[in-house]
Structures are given as structure tokens and as C-alpha cells.
Amino acid sequence: MAEFSAKDVQDLRKSTGAGMMDAKKALVETGGDAEAATQILREKGLAKALTRNDRENTEGVVVVAQDETGAALVQLKSETDFSAKSDAFQALATGMAAAVLAGGVDAVSEKQAELEDLKLELKENLEVGEVVRYEAVDGHSIDAYLHGGGRAGVLVEGTGLDADLLHEIALHIAFAKPRYLSRDEVSDEDIEKEKAALLEITKTEGKPEQAWPKIVEGRLNAWFADQVLLEQGVFGEKEKVSEKIGDGTLTRFTLAMIG
């Protein structure tokens, strides 16, 4: 019979996130060797984690990082808000953003082992979502904004815009949730799908057939005004984003949201 104490079992539970009986069995199997028991539990936990990968993970956090070299955004997903708010989860997300800022989007893989360990500890389907890095370029400005304690994060880049105005646009993006920067980014396929849907809505309303094309065109323009950043009213007001920025230019944006 392997010799180990109740404290050994408790220590193993804390370090691996395993249940009491699993921890005890692992210590028995390894003759009380905590390091070997940890490896057994980790392997078993990773196997169990694979069965969790299809579970919905609509909670999490978005983290941004910024310095003179550019800005980074990382979205880390979880199943529950409780896990997302844990110190370990927040620290991992922050570390991922710092790694991406320093080394580019592929650097997020440096945190893979930590992510796998946290999956075991929290027993949830944790997953990296959006990962973006904007490189600082002469003549371009970048704003990085977090909304709602990390429920949404924004990176936006522009030229000819002062910092306050660019930040206001970032706030608007978090508020209005555009999908595209300009109409040019909307695919023909998406436009045709929307036109078909709008046509069916118009038909069911009993509008005269000769008026359908004009009605659909008007509704399509309204859809663009809802989905396209430059055509949106700033914070829902009359002034459009394109008017607000004047002679300035918005070159790109990224919006990542939780939920």
C-alpha cells in the first residue's frame, strides 16, 4: 500500500483541479509519487476535455494591449461568467494579449500549455477566439478600447484623425456593432441574400408589385446604414461616421464581443 497523507491528496487536488477520489487513485497508482500522479491526472483530464469541446462557450473576456509598436486584441472564451471572472482566467487572457503584442498573432500559441492546464482546473470548454495585432505605421493612429469590463473590445486605425476623435469612433463601434467598414467590404453574396430576404418581406406586406424594386432598394440602403461603419449615425444620431471624420480616413477596425 502506497504511503501518502490526506494532505498529499489535498495538495494534488489543488494543483490539478481533480476530484478527491481521482487524486487518491492517482497517488495509489504511482506509489505516492505526486509528480507522476499529476501527469496521470493531466492526461486523463485532457482526454475528458476533448469531450467538452462541443459545449457552448458564450462567456469569456476580451483583452487589449497597446504600446508604441502597435496594439493587440485577444478574445478568450469560457462556458460560464464565473470562470471568466476568475483570476487565473483573466491573467491568462492578459498574458495572451501581451504575447501577441510582442510577437504577433502566432505568439498566442505560447500560452497553449497554460490554456490546457486551465481547462483541467475549471473543467470547461475554454477556447481562443479573435486574435488580432495592428502594427504601428507612420501616419496612422490606433485606438484600443475595452467596453463593459471586457465584454467587448475594439481596435480601430485611421489617418488624419486626432486621438480624441479616433477614440470616439472606437466607442461608437462598441455601441453600434458594425460588421463592415464600407460597402466595398460587403460581398455580392451577402448583398443578394439580403435583397432576397427584403423582397420576400415586401411581398408578404401586400405592396404593389411595380413598387417592389424601389421598396427593396430603400430597405437595402437602410440595411447598409445599420451594418456599415461609415454609413452609421454616430451613436444613433443623424450625423454619419463618414461626416464625423471629415477629411480623415478609417483604414480598418476589429470588434470582438462576448455573448
C-alpha atoms as a PDB file:
ATOM      1  CA  MET A   1       0.000   0.000   0.000  1.00  0.00           C
ATOM      2  CA  ALA A   2       1.460   3.360  -1.038  1.00  0.00           C
ATOM      3  CA  GLU A   3       2.144   5.754   1.774  1.00  0.00           C
ATOM      4  CA  PHE A   4       0.694   9.258   1.453  1.00  0.00           C
ATOM      5  CA  SER A   5      -1.331  11.517   3.683  1.00  0.00           C
ATOM      6  CA  ALA A   6      -4.669  13.251   3.355  1.00  0.00           C
ATOM      7  CA  LYS A   7      -2.695  16.463   2.887  1.00  0.00           C
ATOM      8  CA  ASP A   8      -0.924  14.894  -0.109  1.00  0.00           C
ATOM      9  CA  VAL A   9      -4.307  14.178  -1.663  1.00  0.00           C
ATOM     10  CA  GLN A  10      -5.497  17.705  -0.934  1.00  0.00           C
ATOM     11  CA  ASP A  11      -2.338  19.244  -2.407  1.00  0.00           C
ATOM     12  CA  LEU A  12      -2.735  17.167  -5.556  1.00  0.00           C
ATOM     13  CA  ARG A  13      -6.367  18.216  -5.868  1.00  0.00           C
ATOM     14  CA  LYS A  14      -5.431  21.895  -5.600  1.00  0.00           C
ATOM     15  CA  SER A  15      -2.616  21.679  -8.129  1.00  0.00           C
ATOM     16  CA  THR A  16      -4.585  19.716 -10.744  1.00  0.00           C
ATOM     17  CA  GLY A  17      -8.229  20.577 -10.139  1.00  0.00           C
ATOM     18  CA  ALA A  18      -9.028  16.860  -9.917  1.00  0.00           C
ATOM     19  CA  GLY A  19     -11.642  15.332  -7.649  1.00  0.00           C
ATOM     20  CA  MET A  20     -10.664  13.749  -4.343  1.00  0.00           C
ATOM     21  CA  MET A  21     -11.136  10.139  -5.470  1.00  0.00           C
ATOM     22  CA  ASP A  22      -9.286  10.727  -8.735  1.00  0.00           C
ATOM     23  CA  ALA A  23      -6.387  12.291  -6.848  1.00  0.00           C
ATOM     24  CA  LYS A  24      -6.281   9.424  -4.365  1.00  0.00           C
ATOM     25  CA  LYS A  25      -6.384   6.782  -7.107  1.00  0.00           C
ATOM     26  CA  ALA A  26      -3.544   8.501  -8.957  1.00  0.00           C
ATOM     27  CA  LEU A  27      -1.379   8.525  -5.834  1.00  0.00           C
ATOM     28  CA  VAL A  28      -2.124   4.858  -5.220  1.00  0.00           C
ATOM     29  CA  GLU A  29      -1.248   4.041  -8.822  1.00  0.00           C
ATOM     30  CA  THR A  30       2.069   5.880  -8.627  1.00  0.00           C
ATOM     31  CA  GLY A  31       3.062   4.716  -5.169  1.00  0.00           C
ATOM     32  CA  GLY A  32       2.644   8.186  -3.691  1.00  0.00           C
ATOM     33  CA  ASP A  33       4.735   9.947  -6.372  1.00  0.00           C
ATOM     34  CA  ALA A  34       2.982  13.333  -6.663  1.00  0.00           C
ATOM     35  CA  GLU A  35       4.738  14.311  -9.901  1.00  0.00           C
ATOM     36  CA  ALA A  36       3.790  11.084 -11.661  1.00  0.00           C
ATOM     37  CA  ALA A  37       0.255  11.326 -10.261  1.00  0.00           C
ATOM     38  CA  THR A  38      -0.016  14.852 -11.629  1.00  0.00           C
ATOM     39  CA  GLN A  39       0.920  13.626 -15.099  1.00  0.00           C
ATOM     40  CA  ILE A  40      -1.665  10.835 -14.949  1.00  0.00           C
ATOM     41  CA  LEU A  41      -4.390  13.267 -13.903  1.00  0.00           C
ATOM     42  CA  ARG A  42      -3.346  15.749 -16.563  1.00  0.00           C
ATOM     43  CA  GLU A  43      -3.566  13.098 -19.278  1.00  0.00           C
ATOM     44  CA  LYS A  44      -6.933  11.895 -18.026  1.00  0.00           C
ATOM     45  CA  GLY A  45      -8.154  15.459 -17.752  1.00  0.00           C
ATOM     46  CA  LEU A  46      -7.086  16.317 -21.280  1.00  0.00           C
ATOM     47  CA  ALA A  47      -8.951  13.268 -22.551  1.00  0.00           C
ATOM     48  CA  LYS A  48     -12.072  14.437 -20.718  1.00  0.00           C
ATOM     49  CA  ALA A  49     -11.534  17.951 -22.034  1.00  0.00           C
ATOM     50  CA  LEU A  50     -11.892  16.669 -25.591  1.00  0.00           C
ATOM     51  CA  THR A  51     -15.449  15.624 -24.769  1.00  0.00           C
ATOM     52  CA  ARG A  52     -16.176  19.184 -23.600  1.00  0.00           C
ATOM     53  CA  ASN A  53     -15.034  20.843 -26.806  1.00  0.00           C
ATOM     54  CA  ASP A  54     -18.517  20.827 -28.316  1.00  0.00           C
ATOM     55  CA  ARG A  55     -20.097  22.545 -25.318  1.00  0.00           C
ATOM     56  CA  GLU A  56     -21.225  26.107 -25.838  1.00  0.00           C
ATOM     57  CA  ASN A  57     -18.771  28.763 -24.655  1.00  0.00           C
ATOM     58  CA  THR A  58     -20.539  32.084 -24.982  1.00  0.00           C
ATOM     59  CA  GLU A  59     -18.900  33.709 -21.958  1.00  0.00           C
ATOM     60  CA  GLY A  60     -15.328  34.911 -21.577  1.00  0.00           C
ATOM     61  CA  VAL A  61     -13.363  38.115 -21.853  1.00  0.00           C
ATOM     62  CA  VAL A  62     -11.773  40.383 -24.447  1.00  0.00           C
ATOM     63  CA  VAL A  63      -8.405  41.910 -23.590  1.00  0.00           C
ATOM     64  CA  VAL A  64      -6.436  44.592 -25.431  1.00  0.00           C
ATOM     65  CA  ALA A  65      -2.812  45.668 -25.112  1.00  0.00           C
ATOM     66  CA  GLN A  66      -1.113  48.647 -26.695  1.00  0.00           C
ATOM     67  CA  ASP A  67       2.306  50.309 -26.804  1.00  0.00           C
ATOM     68  CA  GLU A  68       4.408  52.273 -29.290  1.00  0.00           C
ATOM     69  CA  THR A  69       4.770  49.187 -31.537  1.00  0.00           C
ATOM     70  CA  GLY A  70       1.060  48.709 -32.095  1.00  0.00           C
ATOM     71  CA  ALA A  71      -1.997  47.151 -30.472  1.00  0.00           C
ATOM     72  CA  ALA A  72      -3.297  43.641 -29.854  1.00  0.00           C
ATOM     73  CA  LEU A  73      -6.691  42.120 -29.089  1.00  0.00           C
ATOM     74  CA  VAL A  74      -7.406  38.629 -27.746  1.00  0.00           C
ATOM     75  CA  GLN A  75     -10.788  37.030 -27.079  1.00  0.00           C
ATOM     76  CA  LEU A  76     -10.764  34.100 -24.648  1.00  0.00           C
ATOM     77  CA  LYS A  77     -13.999  32.115 -24.380  1.00  0.00           C
ATOM     78  CA  SER A  78     -15.460  30.143 -21.481  1.00  0.00           C
ATOM     79  CA  GLU A  79     -18.717  28.403 -20.644  1.00  0.00           C
ATOM     80  CA  THR A  80     -19.555  30.460 -17.561  1.00  0.00           C
ATOM     81  CA  ASP A  81     -19.171  34.032 -16.404  1.00  0.00           C
ATOM     82  CA  PHE A  82     -17.903  32.685 -13.085  1.00  0.00           C
ATOM     83  CA  SER A  83     -14.873  31.119 -14.756  1.00  0.00           C
ATOM     84  CA  ALA A  84     -14.309  34.161 -16.958  1.00  0.00           C
ATOM     85  CA  LYS A  85     -14.026  36.369 -13.892  1.00  0.00           C
ATOM     86  CA  SER A  86     -11.536  34.116 -12.107  1.00  0.00           C
ATOM     87  CA  ASP A  87      -8.062  35.489 -11.513  1.00  0.00           C
ATOM     88  CA  ALA A  88      -6.409  32.646 -13.428  1.00  0.00           C
ATOM     89  CA  PHE A  89      -8.620  33.155 -16.491  1.00  0.00           C
ATOM     90  CA  GLN A  90      -8.111  36.923 -16.513  1.00  0.00           C
ATOM     91  CA  ALA A  91      -4.355  36.504 -16.068  1.00  0.00           C
ATOM     92  CA  LEU A  92      -4.162  34.057 -18.974  1.00  0.00           C
ATOM     93  CA  ALA A  93      -6.115  36.365 -21.293  1.00  0.00           C
ATOM     94  CA  THR A  94      -3.934  39.321 -20.307  1.00  0.00           C
ATOM     95  CA  GLY A  95      -0.801  37.249 -20.866  1.00  0.00           C
ATOM     96  CA  MET A  96      -2.031  36.199 -24.297  1.00  0.00           C
ATOM     97  CA  ALA A  97      -2.637  39.804 -25.319  1.00  0.00           C
ATOM     98  CA  ALA A  98       0.852  40.788 -24.130  1.00  0.00           C
ATOM     99  CA  ALA A  99       2.391  37.895 -26.061  1.00  0.00           C
ATOM    100  CA  VAL A 100       0.531  38.848 -29.247  1.00  0.00           C
ATOM    101  CA  LEU A 101       1.545  42.492 -28.876  1.00  0.00           C
ATOM    102  CA  ALA A 102       5.190  41.481 -28.517  1.00  0.00           C
ATOM    103  CA  GLY A 103       5.356  38.652 -31.042  1.00  0.00           C
ATOM    104  CA  GLY A 104       2.369  38.739 -33.411  1.00  0.00           C
ATOM    105  CA  VAL A 105      -0.779  36.646 -33.633  1.00  0.00           C
ATOM    106  CA  ASP A 106       1.070  33.323 -33.711  1.00  0.00           C
ATOM    107  CA  ALA A 107       2.545  34.085 -30.279  1.00  0.00           C
ATOM    108  CA  VAL A 108      -0.790  33.177 -28.684  1.00  0.00           C
ATOM    109  CA  SER A 109       0.273  29.542 -29.109  1.00  0.00           C
ATOM    110  CA  GLU A 110       2.974  30.164 -26.483  1.00  0.00           C
ATOM    111  CA  LYS A 111       0.164  30.053 -23.918  1.00  0.00           C
ATOM    112  CA  GLN A 112      -1.325  26.766 -25.126  1.00  0.00           C
ATOM    113  CA  ALA A 113       0.024  24.711 -22.218  1.00  0.00           C
ATOM    114  CA  GLU A 114      -1.389  27.220 -19.729  1.00  0.00           C
ATOM    115  CA  LEU A 115      -4.723  27.078 -21.540  1.00  0.00           C
ATOM    116  CA  GLU A 116      -4.812  23.285 -21.347  1.00  0.00           C
ATOM    117  CA  ASP A 117      -3.967  23.360 -17.632  1.00  0.00           C
ATOM    118  CA  LEU A 118      -6.739  25.883 -17.009  1.00  0.00           C
ATOM    119  CA  LYS A 119      -9.208  23.678 -18.882  1.00  0.00           C
ATOM    120  CA  LEU A 120      -8.426  20.950 -16.408  1.00  0.00           C
ATOM    121  CA  GLU A 121      -8.758  23.232 -13.435  1.00  0.00           C
ATOM    122  CA  LEU A 122     -12.039  24.851 -14.495  1.00  0.00           C
ATOM    123  CA  LYS A 123     -13.456  21.775 -16.280  1.00  0.00           C
ATOM    124  CA  GLU A 124     -14.859  23.942 -19.064  1.00  0.00           C
ATOM    125  CA  ASN A 125     -14.563  24.284 -22.808  1.00  0.00           C
ATOM    126  CA  LEU A 126     -12.096  27.170 -22.978  1.00  0.00           C
ATOM    127  CA  GLU A 127     -11.186  28.446 -26.419  1.00  0.00           C
ATOM    128  CA  VAL A 128      -9.228  31.268 -28.012  1.00  0.00           C
ATOM    129  CA  GLY A 129     -11.462  33.351 -30.274  1.00  0.00           C
ATOM    130  CA  GLU A 130     -10.462  36.527 -32.106  1.00  0.00           C
ATOM    131  CA  VAL A 131      -6.728  37.279 -32.137  1.00  0.00           C
ATOM    132  CA  VAL A 132      -5.539  40.439 -33.890  1.00  0.00           C
ATOM    133  CA  ARG A 133      -2.469  42.655 -33.930  1.00  0.00           C
ATOM    134  CA  TYR A 134      -2.193  46.067 -35.567  1.00  0.00           C
ATOM    135  CA  GLU A 135       1.348  47.152 -36.369  1.00  0.00           C
ATOM    136  CA  ALA A 136       2.110  50.826 -35.721  1.00  0.00           C
ATOM    137  CA  VAL A 137       2.703  52.601 -39.050  1.00  0.00           C
ATOM    138  CA  ASP A 138       3.910  56.161 -39.577  1.00  0.00           C
ATOM    139  CA  GLY A 139       0.993  58.469 -40.290  1.00  0.00           C
ATOM    140  CA  HIS A 140      -1.561  56.031 -38.893  1.00  0.00           C
ATOM    141  CA  SER A 141      -3.178  56.187 -35.454  1.00  0.00           C
ATOM    142  CA  ILE A 142      -4.576  53.254 -33.470  1.00  0.00           C
ATOM    143  CA  ASP A 143      -7.096  53.254 -30.649  1.00  0.00           C
ATOM    144  CA  ALA A 144      -7.679  50.228 -28.408  1.00  0.00           C
ATOM    145  CA  TYR A 145     -10.853  50.253 -26.324  1.00  0.00           C
ATOM    146  CA  LEU A 146     -12.470  47.853 -23.866  1.00  0.00           C
ATOM    147  CA  HIS A 147     -16.169  48.073 -23.043  1.00  0.00           C
ATOM    148  CA  GLY A 148     -18.129  46.581 -20.164  1.00  0.00           C
ATOM    149  CA  GLY A 149     -15.163  45.168 -18.296  1.00  0.00           C
ATOM    150  CA  GLY A 150     -14.062  43.126 -21.287  1.00  0.00           C
ATOM    151  CA  ARG A 151     -17.461  42.206 -22.736  1.00  0.00           C
ATOM    152  CA  ALA A 152     -16.363  43.892 -25.948  1.00  0.00           C
ATOM    153  CA  GLY A 153     -13.071  45.099 -27.335  1.00  0.00           C
ATOM    154  CA  VAL A 154     -12.256  47.370 -30.270  1.00  0.00           C
ATOM    155  CA  LEU A 155      -9.179  48.162 -32.323  1.00  0.00           C
ATOM    156  CA  VAL A 156      -9.564  50.937 -34.885  1.00  0.00           C
ATOM    157  CA  GLU A 157      -6.979  52.529 -37.145  1.00  0.00           C
ATOM    158  CA  GLY A 158      -7.153  55.759 -39.106  1.00  0.00           C
ATOM    159  CA  THR A 159      -5.242  58.586 -40.687  1.00  0.00           C
ATOM    160  CA  GLY A 160      -5.743  62.326 -40.332  1.00  0.00           C
ATOM    161  CA  LEU A 161      -7.696  61.893 -37.096  1.00  0.00           C
ATOM    162  CA  ASP A 162      -6.724  63.186 -33.665  1.00  0.00           C
ATOM    163  CA  ALA A 163      -6.654  60.802 -30.712  1.00  0.00           C
ATOM    164  CA  ASP A 164      -9.916  62.051 -29.194  1.00  0.00           C
ATOM    165  CA  LEU A 165     -11.872  61.636 -32.404  1.00  0.00           C
ATOM    166  CA  LEU A 166     -10.455  58.187 -33.095  1.00  0.00           C
ATOM    167  CA  HIS A 167     -11.352  57.144 -29.552  1.00  0.00           C
ATOM    168  CA  GLU A 168     -14.886  58.431 -30.072  1.00  0.00           C
ATOM    169  CA  ILE A 169     -15.156  56.250 -33.157  1.00  0.00           C
ATOM    170  CA  ALA A 170     -13.950  53.268 -31.101  1.00  0.00           C
ATOM    171  CA  LEU A 171     -16.692  53.966 -28.555  1.00  0.00           C
ATOM    172  CA  HIS A 172     -19.232  54.153 -31.364  1.00  0.00           C
ATOM    173  CA  ILE A 173     -18.073  50.803 -32.789  1.00  0.00           C
ATOM    174  CA  ALA A 174     -18.665  49.127 -29.424  1.00  0.00           C
ATOM    175  CA  PHE A 175     -22.100  50.795 -29.305  1.00  0.00           C
ATOM    176  CA  ALA A 176     -23.299  50.223 -32.880  1.00  0.00           C
ATOM    177  CA  LYS A 177     -21.552  46.916 -33.665  1.00  0.00           C
ATOM    178  CA  PRO A 178     -20.890  47.390 -37.389  1.00  0.00           C
ATOM    179  CA  ARG A 179     -19.903  44.375 -39.470  1.00  0.00           C
ATOM    180  CA  TYR A 180     -18.168  46.224 -42.301  1.00  0.00           C
ATOM    181  CA  LEU A 181     -16.068  49.359 -42.717  1.00  0.00           C
ATOM    182  CA  SER A 182     -17.513  50.341 -46.106  1.00  0.00           C
ATOM    183  CA  ARG A 183     -19.883  48.966 -48.719  1.00  0.00           C
ATOM    184  CA  ASP A 184     -16.871  47.720 -50.671  1.00  0.00           C
ATOM    185  CA  GLU A 185     -16.283  45.099 -47.959  1.00  0.00           C
ATOM    186  CA  VAL A 186     -19.775  43.599 -48.313  1.00  0.00           C
ATOM    187  CA  SER A 187     -19.681  40.569 -50.593  1.00  0.00           C
ATOM    188  CA  ASP A 188     -22.041  40.290 -53.549  1.00  0.00           C
ATOM    189  CA  GLU A 189     -23.338  37.081 -51.993  1.00  0.00           C
ATOM    190  CA  ASP A 190     -24.315  38.841 -48.761  1.00  0.00           C
ATOM    191  CA  ILE A 191     -25.990  41.643 -50.688  1.00  0.00           C
ATOM    192  CA  GLU A 192     -28.006  39.216 -52.810  1.00  0.00           C
ATOM    193  CA  LYS A 193     -29.096  37.267 -49.723  1.00  0.00           C
ATOM    194  CA  GLU A 194     -30.274  40.443 -48.037  1.00  0.00           C
ATOM    195  CA  LYS A 195     -32.097  41.639 -51.173  1.00  0.00           C
ATOM    196  CA  ALA A 196     -33.874  38.284 -51.450  1.00  0.00           C
ATOM    197  CA  ALA A 197     -34.964  38.439 -47.813  1.00  0.00           C
ATOM    198  CA  LEU A 198     -36.170  42.025 -48.172  1.00  0.00           C
ATOM    199  CA  LEU A 199     -38.095  41.137 -51.314  1.00  0.00           C
ATOM    200  CA  GLU A 200     -39.934  38.348 -49.506  1.00  0.00           C
ATOM    201  CA  ILE A 201     -40.796  40.711 -46.644  1.00  0.00           C
ATOM    202  CA  THR A 202     -42.105  43.271 -49.134  1.00  0.00           C
ATOM    203  CA  LYS A 203     -44.220  40.680 -50.921  1.00  0.00           C
ATOM    204  CA  THR A 204     -45.851  39.468 -47.712  1.00  0.00           C
ATOM    205  CA  GLU A 205     -46.844  43.050 -46.874  1.00  0.00           C
ATOM    206  CA  GLY A 206     -49.058  43.155 -49.952  1.00  0.00           C
ATOM    207  CA  LYS A 207     -47.248  46.047 -51.609  1.00  0.00           C
ATOM    208  CA  PRO A 208     -47.985  46.520 -55.343  1.00  0.00           C
ATOM    209  CA  GLU A 209     -45.562  44.532 -57.491  1.00  0.00           C
ATOM    210  CA  GLN A 210     -44.408  47.533 -59.525  1.00  0.00           C
ATOM    211  CA  ALA A 211     -43.208  49.182 -56.294  1.00  0.00           C
ATOM    212  CA  TRP A 212     -41.127  46.219 -55.109  1.00  0.00           C
ATOM    213  CA  PRO A 213     -37.757  47.225 -56.638  1.00  0.00           C
ATOM    214  CA  LYS A 214     -37.863  50.728 -55.160  1.00  0.00           C
ATOM    215  CA  ILE A 215     -39.000  49.495 -51.740  1.00  0.00           C
ATOM    216  CA  VAL A 216     -36.263  46.843 -51.667  1.00  0.00           C
ATOM    217  CA  GLU A 217     -33.646  49.407 -52.711  1.00  0.00           C
ATOM    218  CA  GLY A 218     -34.681  51.710 -49.874  1.00  0.00           C
ATOM    219  CA  ARG A 219     -34.624  48.915 -47.345  1.00  0.00           C
ATOM    220  CA  LEU A 220     -31.241  47.714 -48.611  1.00  0.00           C
ATOM    221  CA  ASN A 221     -29.833  51.201 -48.078  1.00  0.00           C
ATOM    222  CA  ALA A 222     -31.221  51.129 -44.544  1.00  0.00           C
ATOM    223  CA  TRP A 223     -29.503  47.769 -44.027  1.00  0.00           C
ATOM    224  CA  PHE A 224     -26.205  49.265 -45.191  1.00  0.00           C
ATOM    225  CA  ALA A 225     -26.715  52.158 -42.760  1.00  0.00           C
ATOM    226  CA  ASP A 226     -27.090  49.613 -39.965  1.00  0.00           C
ATOM    227  CA  GLN A 227     -24.203  47.316 -40.914  1.00  0.00           C
ATOM    228  CA  VAL A 228     -21.552  49.591 -42.463  1.00  0.00           C
ATOM    229  CA  LEU A 229     -19.476  51.739 -40.104  1.00  0.00           C
ATOM    230  CA  LEU A 230     -19.033  54.735 -42.404  1.00  0.00           C
ATOM    231  CA  GLU A 231     -22.791  54.905 -43.046  1.00  0.00           C
ATOM    232  CA  GLN A 232     -23.908  54.571 -39.433  1.00  0.00           C
ATOM    233  CA  GLY A 233     -25.164  57.558 -37.475  1.00  0.00           C
ATOM    234  CA  VAL A 234     -22.702  58.351 -34.691  1.00  0.00           C
ATOM    235  CA  PHE A 235     -24.223  56.839 -31.530  1.00  0.00           C
ATOM    236  CA  GLY A 236     -27.512  56.551 -33.421  1.00  0.00           C
ATOM    237  CA  GLU A 237     -27.724  60.260 -34.181  1.00  0.00           C
ATOM    238  CA  LYS A 238     -28.174  61.912 -37.580  1.00  0.00           C
ATOM    239  CA  GLU A 239     -24.521  62.708 -38.282  1.00  0.00           C
ATOM    240  CA  LYS A 240     -22.847  59.814 -40.103  1.00  0.00           C
ATOM    241  CA  VAL A 241     -19.440  58.464 -39.185  1.00  0.00           C
ATOM    242  CA  SER A 242     -18.183  59.451 -42.653  1.00  0.00           C
ATOM    243  CA  GLU A 243     -19.255  63.031 -41.927  1.00  0.00           C
ATOM    244  CA  LYS A 244     -17.820  62.987 -38.417  1.00  0.00           C
ATOM    245  CA  ILE A 245     -14.303  62.101 -39.577  1.00  0.00           C
ATOM    246  CA  GLY A 246     -14.282  64.814 -42.247  1.00  0.00           C
ATOM    247  CA  ASP A 247     -11.099  64.621 -44.322  1.00  0.00           C
ATOM    248  CA  GLY A 248      -9.746  61.826 -42.141  1.00  0.00           C
ATOM    249  CA  THR A 249      -9.801  58.172 -43.106  1.00  0.00           C
ATOM    250  CA  LEU A 250     -10.657  54.981 -41.256  1.00  0.00           C
ATOM    251  CA  THR A 251      -8.485  52.178 -42.595  1.00  0.00           C
ATOM    252  CA  ARG A 252      -9.697  49.184 -40.563  1.00  0.00           C
ATOM    253  CA  PHE A 253     -11.348  48.065 -37.342  1.00  0.00           C
ATOM    254  CA  THR A 254     -11.837  44.926 -35.296  1.00  0.00           C
ATOM    255  CA  LEU A 255     -14.736  44.301 -32.921  1.00  0.00           C
ATOM    256  CA  ALA A 256     -14.814  41.252 -30.660  1.00  0.00           C
ATOM    257  CA  MET A 257     -17.748  40.613 -28.319  1.00  0.00           C
ATOM    258  CA  ILE A 258     -18.698  38.180 -25.608  1.00  0.00           C
ATOM    259  CA  GLY A 259     -22.191  36.718 -25.782  1.00  0.00           C
END
